[in-house]
Amino acid sequence: MASADLLRREEEFYASLFDSAKGGDAVKSRGQMIERKIEVLEDMAAKVSNRRSRRWLNDRLLIELVPRLHVEEIKGLFAPPPWGEELPVSAFCRTSVGEWDAFRSIDMDVEARLMQQMKQSSTKQKNHVDRNELVALNSWHHIDRQTREAIKRNFLPDLLEIYEERVRTFIEDTSGKDMLVLNVQDPFQRLLLHGVCEFYNVSSTTTTTVRDGKLRKTTTIKKRSGTGAPSRITLVSFLRMKKKSH
């Protein structure tokens, strides 16, 4: 077990080792002093049996074995800046110096208001688009499933646009006209017409009459109590959007 005298002697030696030399002698004999101190610490560590004292001596020995760092070496430990090498200027800063400096030096309150306004504008525009798309999607689901499949399977945008224009004009008409009558004889085209009517929430009924000995189909379209303003996104536009998304 290390005695108090042994530890005190080591402490005195540790404290006075570098104070004993002055001026140029201190610089010249520094390496010799370090070697001498390491030898003493190794000798002392071999003589003590107390674990705490041995650990203390080993720590002292490790401290002496680690070389002192120079200023440049210390800077390297803390790289990047402010102590290391300066970061290269980005391409954005080099090409847009004036604009970037103006933004970088902007008042914090002004910057916060600007970012908030941009965020609100973006959210408002997104919600506006989403709302119109949601209305069109709900209108699309009003169409019978079989009719939807037929429209997607055989997409005829020119014909659908003709039917849509007639139906939309009828809905927006404020003259008091209570019905729209269309004569569509082709069964598939008539199916498309009924799909357009379901999309715009108007009723459509097809009746058969005999004219000049021939059967004639007549489709009567009427507004419902829940019929509102036509969707901003037309059926053709909605279908084209769905095709692009897929």
Protein backbone atom coordinates (compact mmCIF):
# COMPACT_ATOMS: atom_id res chain seq x y z
CA MET A 1 0.00 0.00 0.00
CA ALA A 2 1.38 3.41 -0.95
CA SER A 3 2.15 5.52 2.07
CA ALA A 4 1.19 9.17 2.43
CA ASP A 5 4.86 10.09 2.21
CA LEU A 6 5.19 8.30 -1.12
CA LEU A 7 2.23 10.09 -2.63
CA ARG A 8 3.32 13.44 -1.21
CA ARG A 9 6.79 12.94 -2.60
CA GLU A 10 5.32 12.19 -6.03
CA GLU A 11 3.09 15.25 -5.87
CA GLU A 12 6.08 17.45 -4.96
CA PHE A 13 8.07 15.92 -7.78
CA TYR A 14 5.17 16.41 -10.20
CA ALA A 15 4.77 20.05 -9.20
CA SER A 16 8.43 20.97 -9.21
CA LEU A 17 9.58 19.02 -12.24
CA PHE A 18 8.97 21.79 -14.78
CA ASP A 19 9.56 24.64 -12.37
CA SER A 20 13.13 23.69 -11.63
CA ALA A 21 14.52 24.84 -14.97
CA LYS A 22 14.41 28.40 -16.17
CA GLY A 23 14.77 30.13 -19.55
CA GLY A 24 16.51 28.19 -22.29
CA ASP A 25 17.43 25.33 -19.98
CA ALA A 26 13.73 24.61 -19.47
CA VAL A 27 13.15 24.29 -23.18
CA LYS A 28 16.33 22.26 -23.75
CA SER A 29 15.79 19.77 -20.92
CA ARG A 30 12.01 19.41 -21.26
CA GLY A 31 12.24 16.08 -23.07
CA GLN A 32 14.71 14.73 -20.52
CA MET A 33 12.45 15.80 -17.66
CA ILE A 34 9.46 14.03 -19.20
CA GLU A 35 11.46 10.83 -19.66
CA ARG A 36 12.72 11.03 -16.08
CA LYS A 37 9.22 11.59 -14.73
CA ILE A 38 7.85 8.60 -16.69
CA GLU A 39 10.57 6.42 -15.23
CA VAL A 40 9.76 7.55 -11.70
CA LEU A 41 6.03 6.99 -12.20
CA GLU A 42 6.65 3.48 -13.58
CA ASP A 43 8.88 2.67 -10.63
CA MET A 44 6.34 3.99 -8.13
CA ALA A 45 3.46 2.11 -9.82
CA ALA A 46 5.44 -1.14 -9.47
CA LYS A 47 5.89 -0.64 -5.72
CA VAL A 48 2.32 0.15 -4.65
CA SER A 49 -0.37 -2.49 -4.12
CA ASN A 50 -3.37 -0.30 -3.32
CA ARG A 51 -5.74 -0.31 -6.32
CA ARG A 52 -6.76 3.33 -5.97
CA SER A 53 -3.15 4.50 -5.69
CA ARG A 54 -2.07 2.35 -8.61
CA ARG A 55 -4.91 3.73 -10.76
CA TRP A 56 -3.88 7.27 -9.83
CA LEU A 57 -0.28 6.60 -10.80
CA ASN A 58 -1.31 4.95 -14.06
CA ASP A 59 -3.43 7.99 -14.94
CA ARG A 60 -0.43 10.23 -14.29
CA LEU A 61 1.69 8.02 -16.50
CA LEU A 62 -0.85 8.15 -19.36
CA ILE A 63 -0.97 11.93 -19.08
CA GLU A 64 2.78 12.13 -19.52
CA LEU A 65 2.76 9.68 -22.42
CA VAL A 66 0.32 11.87 -24.38
CA PRO A 67 2.32 14.56 -26.22
CA ARG A 68 1.36 18.18 -25.74
CA LEU A 69 -0.67 19.55 -28.65
CA HIS A 70 0.40 22.60 -30.61
CA VAL A 71 -1.97 25.43 -31.51
CA GLU A 72 -2.51 24.09 -35.05
CA GLU A 73 -3.24 20.60 -33.71
CA ILE A 74 -5.80 21.99 -31.29
CA LYS A 75 -7.45 23.88 -34.13
CA GLY A 76 -7.69 20.65 -36.09
CA LEU A 77 -9.71 19.07 -33.29
CA PHE A 78 -12.33 21.77 -33.61
CA ALA A 79 -12.57 21.92 -37.43
CA PRO A 80 -14.70 23.06 -39.25
CA PRO A 81 -14.89 26.84 -38.48
CA PRO A 82 -14.54 28.92 -36.45
CA TRP A 83 -11.22 27.17 -35.62
CA GLY A 84 -10.66 25.02 -38.71
CA GLU A 85 -10.41 25.76 -42.38
CA GLU A 86 -12.94 28.18 -43.84
CA LEU A 87 -15.81 26.60 -45.76
CA PRO A 88 -15.84 27.22 -49.52
CA VAL A 89 -18.42 29.68 -50.79
CA SER A 90 -21.38 27.91 -52.38
CA ALA A 91 -22.24 28.30 -56.05
CA PHE A 92 -25.48 30.06 -55.08
CA CYS A 93 -23.61 32.68 -53.07
CA ARG A 94 -21.13 33.24 -55.90
CA THR A 95 -23.80 33.69 -58.59
CA SER A 96 -26.39 35.63 -56.58
CA VAL A 97 -24.32 37.66 -54.16
CA GLY A 98 -26.60 40.68 -53.95
CA GLU A 99 -29.85 38.76 -53.70
CA TRP A 100 -28.48 36.32 -51.13
CA ASP A 101 -27.01 39.06 -48.95
CA ALA A 102 -30.33 40.91 -48.99
CA PHE A 103 -32.15 37.80 -47.84
CA ARG A 104 -29.50 36.85 -45.29
CA SER A 105 -29.53 40.28 -43.65
CA ILE A 106 -33.33 40.61 -43.59
CA ASP A 107 -34.95 41.53 -40.29
CA MET A 108 -36.11 38.45 -38.37
CA ASP A 109 -39.65 39.77 -37.92
CA VAL A 110 -39.93 40.64 -41.61
CA GLU A 111 -38.62 37.18 -42.51
CA ALA A 112 -41.16 35.50 -40.22
CA ARG A 113 -44.05 37.47 -41.73
CA LEU A 114 -42.84 36.70 -45.26
CA MET A 115 -42.56 32.97 -44.59
CA GLN A 116 -46.01 32.93 -42.94
CA GLN A 117 -47.59 34.70 -45.91
CA MET A 118 -45.98 32.24 -48.34
CA LYS A 119 -47.19 29.32 -46.25
CA GLN A 120 -50.75 30.67 -46.07
CA SER A 121 -50.81 31.36 -49.82
CA SER A 122 -49.58 27.85 -50.61
CA THR A 123 -52.08 26.26 -48.21
CA LYS A 124 -54.96 28.33 -49.59
CA GLN A 125 -54.15 27.39 -53.18
CA LYS A 126 -53.74 23.72 -52.27
CA ASN A 127 -57.03 23.64 -50.37
CA HIS A 128 -58.77 25.38 -53.27
CA VAL A 129 -57.53 22.78 -55.74
CA ASP A 130 -58.27 19.90 -53.39
CA ARG A 131 -61.82 21.14 -52.77
CA ASN A 132 -62.61 21.23 -56.50
CA GLU A 133 -61.08 17.80 -57.00
CA LEU A 134 -63.09 16.45 -54.08
CA VAL A 135 -66.34 17.80 -55.56
CA ALA A 136 -65.51 16.20 -58.92
CA LEU A 137 -64.62 12.91 -57.24
CA ASN A 138 -67.92 12.83 -55.34
CA SER A 139 -69.79 13.60 -58.57
CA TRP A 140 -67.93 10.79 -60.30
CA HIS A 141 -69.06 8.32 -57.64
CA HIS A 142 -72.68 9.39 -58.21
CA ILE A 143 -72.46 7.63 -61.57
CA ASP A 144 -73.51 3.99 -61.63
CA ARG A 145 -70.56 1.61 -61.40
CA GLN A 146 -71.30 -0.13 -64.71
CA THR A 147 -71.62 3.22 -66.44
CA ARG A 148 -68.29 4.34 -64.95
CA GLU A 149 -66.61 1.22 -66.27
CA ALA A 150 -68.11 1.79 -69.72
CA ILE A 151 -66.93 5.42 -69.78
CA LYS A 152 -63.39 4.44 -68.77
CA ARG A 153 -63.27 1.50 -71.15
CA ASN A 154 -64.37 3.52 -74.18
CA PHE A 155 -63.41 7.11 -73.47
CA LEU A 156 -65.00 9.48 -76.01
CA PRO A 157 -64.04 12.99 -74.84
CA ASP A 158 -65.50 14.85 -77.83
CA LEU A 159 -68.93 13.28 -77.40
CA LEU A 160 -68.85 13.68 -73.61
CA GLU A 161 -67.97 17.36 -73.97
CA ILE A 162 -71.02 17.90 -76.22
CA TYR A 163 -73.31 16.29 -73.66
CA GLU A 164 -71.65 18.18 -70.81
CA GLU A 165 -72.06 21.52 -72.53
CA ARG A 166 -75.79 20.89 -73.05
CA VAL A 167 -76.34 19.75 -69.47
CA ARG A 168 -74.26 22.52 -67.88
CA THR A 169 -76.06 25.17 -69.94
CA PHE A 170 -79.39 23.70 -68.83
CA ILE A 171 -78.37 23.78 -65.14
CA GLU A 172 -77.09 27.37 -65.32
CA ASP A 173 -80.16 28.58 -67.23
CA THR A 174 -82.19 30.96 -65.06
CA SER A 175 -85.08 31.49 -67.48
CA GLY A 176 -87.23 28.91 -65.71
CA LYS A 177 -86.83 26.15 -68.28
CA ASP A 178 -87.75 22.98 -66.38
CA MET A 179 -86.55 20.27 -68.76
CA LEU A 180 -84.12 19.42 -71.53
CA VAL A 181 -85.09 16.92 -74.21
CA LEU A 182 -82.43 15.13 -76.28
CA ASN A 183 -82.92 12.52 -78.97
CA VAL A 184 -80.05 10.05 -78.74
CA GLN A 185 -80.71 6.80 -80.58
CA ASP A 186 -77.42 4.93 -80.12
CA PRO A 187 -77.60 2.79 -76.94
CA PHE A 188 -73.99 3.37 -75.90
CA GLN A 189 -74.16 7.12 -76.51
CA ARG A 190 -77.36 7.23 -74.48
CA LEU A 191 -75.54 5.43 -71.67
CA LEU A 192 -72.88 8.13 -71.74
CA LEU A 193 -75.56 10.80 -71.58
CA HIS A 194 -77.09 9.20 -68.49
CA GLY A 195 -73.62 9.11 -66.92
CA VAL A 196 -73.17 12.84 -67.56
CA CYS A 197 -76.55 13.52 -65.97
CA GLU A 198 -75.62 11.52 -62.89
CA PHE A 199 -72.32 13.41 -62.65
CA TYR A 200 -74.19 16.74 -62.54
CA ASN A 201 -76.97 15.42 -60.27
CA VAL A 202 -79.87 15.85 -62.70
CA SER A 203 -82.47 13.21 -63.46
CA SER A 204 -82.66 11.59 -66.91
CA THR A 205 -85.43 9.37 -68.22
CA THR A 206 -85.54 7.69 -71.63
CA THR A 207 -88.91 6.87 -73.22
CA THR A 208 -89.79 5.07 -76.45
CA THR A 209 -92.26 6.41 -78.96
CA VAL A 210 -93.35 5.31 -82.41
CA ARG A 211 -92.89 7.84 -85.20
CA ASP A 212 -93.44 7.05 -88.86
CA GLY A 213 -93.53 3.40 -87.97
CA LYS A 214 -90.14 3.54 -86.27
CA LEU A 215 -89.19 3.37 -82.62
CA ARG A 216 -87.72 6.64 -81.36
CA LYS A 217 -85.83 7.16 -78.10
CA THR A 218 -86.26 10.44 -76.23
CA THR A 219 -84.27 11.37 -73.11
CA THR A 220 -85.82 13.94 -70.80
CA ILE A 221 -83.51 15.71 -68.33
CA LYS A 222 -84.82 17.58 -65.29
CA LYS A 223 -83.25 19.39 -62.35
CA ARG A 224 -83.51 17.82 -58.93
CA SER A 225 -84.13 19.60 -55.65
CA GLY A 226 -80.48 19.03 -54.71
CA THR A 227 -79.05 20.12 -58.05
CA GLY A 228 -76.51 22.87 -57.47
CA ALA A 229 -73.97 24.79 -59.51
CA PRO A 230 -72.00 22.59 -61.89
CA SER A 231 -68.65 21.29 -60.76
CA ARG A 232 -65.74 23.55 -61.71
CA ILE A 233 -63.92 20.48 -62.98
CA THR A 234 -65.79 18.89 -65.87
CA LEU A 235 -66.20 15.16 -66.27
CA VAL A 236 -63.80 15.07 -69.22
CA SER A 237 -61.18 17.06 -67.32
CA PHE A 238 -61.57 14.80 -64.30
CA LEU A 239 -61.11 11.66 -66.40
CA ARG A 240 -58.03 13.11 -68.07
CA MET A 241 -56.57 13.94 -64.65
CA LYS A 242 -57.16 10.36 -63.51
CA LYS A 243 -55.46 9.00 -66.62
CA LYS A 244 -52.37 11.18 -66.02
CA SER A 245 -52.18 10.17 -62.34
CA HIS A 246 -52.14 6.52 -63.29
